[in-house]
C-alpha atoms as a PDB file:
ATOM      1  CA  MET A   1      25.435  11.518  20.250  1.00  0.00           C
ATOM      2  CA  GLY A   2      26.753   8.565  18.240  1.00  0.00           C
ATOM      3  CA  ALA A   3      24.660   6.108  20.236  1.00  0.00           C
ATOM      4  CA  LEU A   4      21.516   8.126  19.528  1.00  0.00           C
ATOM      5  CA  ALA A   5      22.230   8.097  15.781  1.00  0.00           C
ATOM      6  CA  ALA A   6      22.807   4.333  15.889  1.00  0.00           C
ATOM      7  CA  ILE A   7      19.504   3.804  17.720  1.00  0.00           C
ATOM      8  CA  VAL A   8      17.596   5.960  15.208  1.00  0.00           C
ATOM      9  CA  ILE A   9      19.156   4.104  12.267  1.00  0.00           C
ATOM     10  CA  GLY A  10      18.387   0.752  13.892  1.00  0.00           C
ATOM     11  CA  VAL A  11      14.746   1.708  14.454  1.00  0.00           C
ATOM     12  CA  LEU A  12      14.441   2.848  10.832  1.00  0.00           C
ATOM     13  CA  VAL A  13      15.909  -0.435   9.567  1.00  0.00           C
ATOM     14  CA  VAL A  14      13.533  -2.497  11.714  1.00  0.00           C
ATOM     15  CA  ALA A  15      10.580  -0.386  10.541  1.00  0.00           C
ATOM     16  CA  ALA A  16      11.591  -0.903   6.897  1.00  0.00           C
ATOM     17  CA  ILE A  17      11.856  -4.658   7.405  1.00  0.00           C
ATOM     18  CA  ALA A  18       8.433  -4.776   9.090  1.00  0.00           C
ATOM     19  CA  TYR A  19       6.939  -2.736   6.232  1.00  0.00           C
ATOM     20  CA  ASP A  20       8.409  -5.081   3.597  1.00  0.00           C
ATOM     21  CA  VAL A  21       7.151  -8.167   5.413  1.00  0.00           C
ATOM     22  CA  ALA A  22       3.670  -6.654   5.669  1.00  0.00           C
ATOM     23  CA  ARG A  23       3.711  -5.868   1.939  1.00  0.00           C
ATOM     24  CA  LEU A  24       4.740  -9.417   1.097  1.00  0.00           C
ATOM     25  CA  ILE A  25       1.889 -11.052   3.001  1.00  0.00           C
ATOM     26  CA  THR A  26      -0.878  -8.755   1.704  1.00  0.00           C
ATOM     27  CA  PRO A  27      -2.639  -9.409  -1.617  1.00  0.00           C
ATOM     28  CA  ILE A  28      -0.667  -7.883  -4.471  1.00  0.00           C
ATOM     29  CA  GLU A  29      -3.626  -7.190  -6.758  1.00  0.00           C
ATOM     30  CA  SER A  30      -5.429  -4.694  -4.563  1.00  0.00           C
ATOM     31  CA  ARG A  31      -2.404  -2.469  -3.977  1.00  0.00           C
ATOM     32  CA  CYS A  32      -1.874   0.543  -6.155  1.00  0.00           C
ATOM     33  CA  PRO A  33       1.733   1.639  -6.593  1.00  0.00           C
ATOM     34  CA  PRO A  34       2.299   4.541  -4.162  1.00  0.00           C
ATOM     35  CA  PRO A  35       4.675   6.677  -6.308  1.00  0.00           C
ATOM     36  CA  ALA A  36       1.881   7.204  -8.823  1.00  0.00           C
ATOM     37  CA  ARG A  37      -0.211   9.009  -6.235  1.00  0.00           C
ATOM     38  CA  LEU A  38       2.499  11.605  -5.712  1.00  0.00           C
ATOM     39  CA  ARG A  39       2.566  12.645  -9.383  1.00  0.00           C
ATOM     40  CA  GLY A  40      -1.143  13.364  -9.750  1.00  0.00           C
ATOM     41  CA  ARG A  41      -4.360  11.778 -10.913  1.00  0.00           C
ATOM     42  CA  ARG A  42      -3.471  11.211 -14.572  1.00  0.00           C
ATOM     43  CA  ALA A  43      -0.129   9.646 -13.710  1.00  0.00           C
ATOM     44  CA  ALA A  44      -1.850   7.470 -11.126  1.00  0.00           C
ATOM     45  CA  LEU A  45      -4.327   6.228 -13.732  1.00  0.00           C
ATOM     46  CA  GLU A  46      -1.513   5.514 -16.204  1.00  0.00           C
ATOM     47  CA  GLU A  47       0.470   3.654 -13.570  1.00  0.00           C
ATOM     48  CA  ALA A  48      -2.617   1.665 -12.555  1.00  0.00           C
ATOM     49  CA  GLU A  49      -3.090   0.736 -16.217  1.00  0.00           C
ATOM     50  CA  ARG A  50       0.509  -0.507 -16.469  1.00  0.00           C
ATOM     51  CA  TRP A  51       0.040  -2.388 -13.199  1.00  0.00           C
ATOM     52  CA  CYS A  52      -3.114  -4.051 -14.520  1.00  0.00           C
ATOM     53  CA  VAL A  53      -1.403  -5.050 -17.779  1.00  0.00           C
ATOM     54  CA  GLY A  54       1.443  -6.551 -15.758  1.00  0.00           C
ATOM     55  CA  LEU A  55      -1.000  -8.579 -13.669  1.00  0.00           C
ATOM     56  CA  ARG A  56      -2.678  -9.858 -16.831  1.00  0.00           C
ATOM     57  CA  LEU A  57       0.616 -10.761 -18.515  1.00  0.00           C
ATOM     58  CA  ARG A  58       1.748 -12.704 -15.444  1.00  0.00           C
ATOM     59  CA  GLY A  59      -1.577 -14.554 -15.268  1.00  0.00           C
ATOM     60  CA  ARG A  60      -2.610 -13.133 -11.893  1.00  0.00           C
ATOM     61  CA  ILE A  61      -6.018 -11.939 -13.103  1.00  0.00           C
ATOM     62  CA  GLY A  62      -8.426 -13.340 -15.661  1.00  0.00           C
ATOM     63  CA  GLN A  63      -9.762 -11.743 -18.807  1.00  0.00           C
ATOM     64  CA  ALA A  64     -13.048 -10.616 -17.227  1.00  0.00           C
ATOM     65  CA  ALA A  65     -11.256  -8.966 -14.293  1.00  0.00           C
ATOM     66  CA  TYR A  66      -8.817  -7.314 -16.702  1.00  0.00           C
ATOM     67  CA  GLN A  67     -11.639  -5.906 -18.828  1.00  0.00           C
ATOM     68  CA  ARG A  68     -13.505  -4.703 -15.740  1.00  0.00           C
ATOM     69  CA  ARG A  69     -10.396  -2.944 -14.404  1.00  0.00           C
ATOM     70  CA  MET A  70      -9.556  -1.328 -17.740  1.00  0.00           C
ATOM     71  CA  ALA A  71     -13.145  -0.097 -18.123  1.00  0.00           C
ATOM     72  CA  ALA A  72     -12.933   1.439 -14.650  1.00  0.00           C
ATOM     73  CA  LEU A  73      -9.646   3.135 -15.586  1.00  0.00           C
ATOM     74  CA  ALA A  74     -11.216   4.489 -18.770  1.00  0.00           C
ATOM     75  CA  HIS A  75     -13.888   6.117 -16.600  1.00  0.00           C
ATOM     76  CA  GLY A  76     -11.300   7.615 -14.249  1.00  0.00           C
ATOM     77  CA  ARG A  77     -11.629   5.116 -11.408  1.00  0.00           C
ATOM     78  CA  ARG A  78      -8.608   3.205 -10.166  1.00  0.00           C
ATOM     79  CA  ARG A  79     -10.706   0.598  -8.383  1.00  0.00           C
ATOM     80  CA  PRO A  80     -13.225  -1.437 -10.398  1.00  0.00           C
ATOM     81  CA  GLU A  81     -16.764  -1.912  -9.183  1.00  0.00           C
ATOM     82  CA  PRO A  82     -17.662  -5.428  -8.076  1.00  0.00           C
ATOM     83  CA  PRO A  83     -19.162  -7.604 -10.819  1.00  0.00           C
ATOM     84  CA  ARG A  84     -22.934  -7.764 -11.063  1.00  0.00           C
ATOM     85  CA  GLY A  85     -25.164 -10.477 -12.344  1.00  0.00           C
ATOM     86  CA  PRO A  86     -26.498 -13.908 -11.438  1.00  0.00           C
ATOM     87  CA  HIS A  87     -23.042 -15.540 -11.328  1.00  0.00           C
ATOM     88  CA  SER A  88     -21.086 -12.700  -9.747  1.00  0.00           C
ATOM     89  CA  HIS A  89     -20.470 -14.696  -6.563  1.00  0.00           C
ATOM     90  CA  VAL A  90     -18.725 -17.470  -8.513  1.00  0.00           C
ATOM     91  CA  THR A  91     -14.961 -17.073  -8.788  1.00  0.00           C
ATOM     92  CA  ARG A  92     -13.284 -18.379 -11.915  1.00  0.00           C
ATOM     93  CA  ARG A  93      -9.628 -19.024 -12.553  1.00  0.00           C
END
């Protein structure tokens, strides 16, 4: 019985390590914090707003992206729509 418990714990540890590695190599901006989803829509929007402010303060997104994301949050959407216009394909930093 002890060997079975050790195997289960080992598998869980390896799964946690694989999950963390996968999170580290994916883009940080597009992820929405998962705990917010468990508390409901309003909490998720508030958490997404805090997340967006954090990205802006750390310089990970520009002013236009920040404004686009905050406008989407104000309309109840956690994901902003892609930019439109003649220069929407140009990325600026």
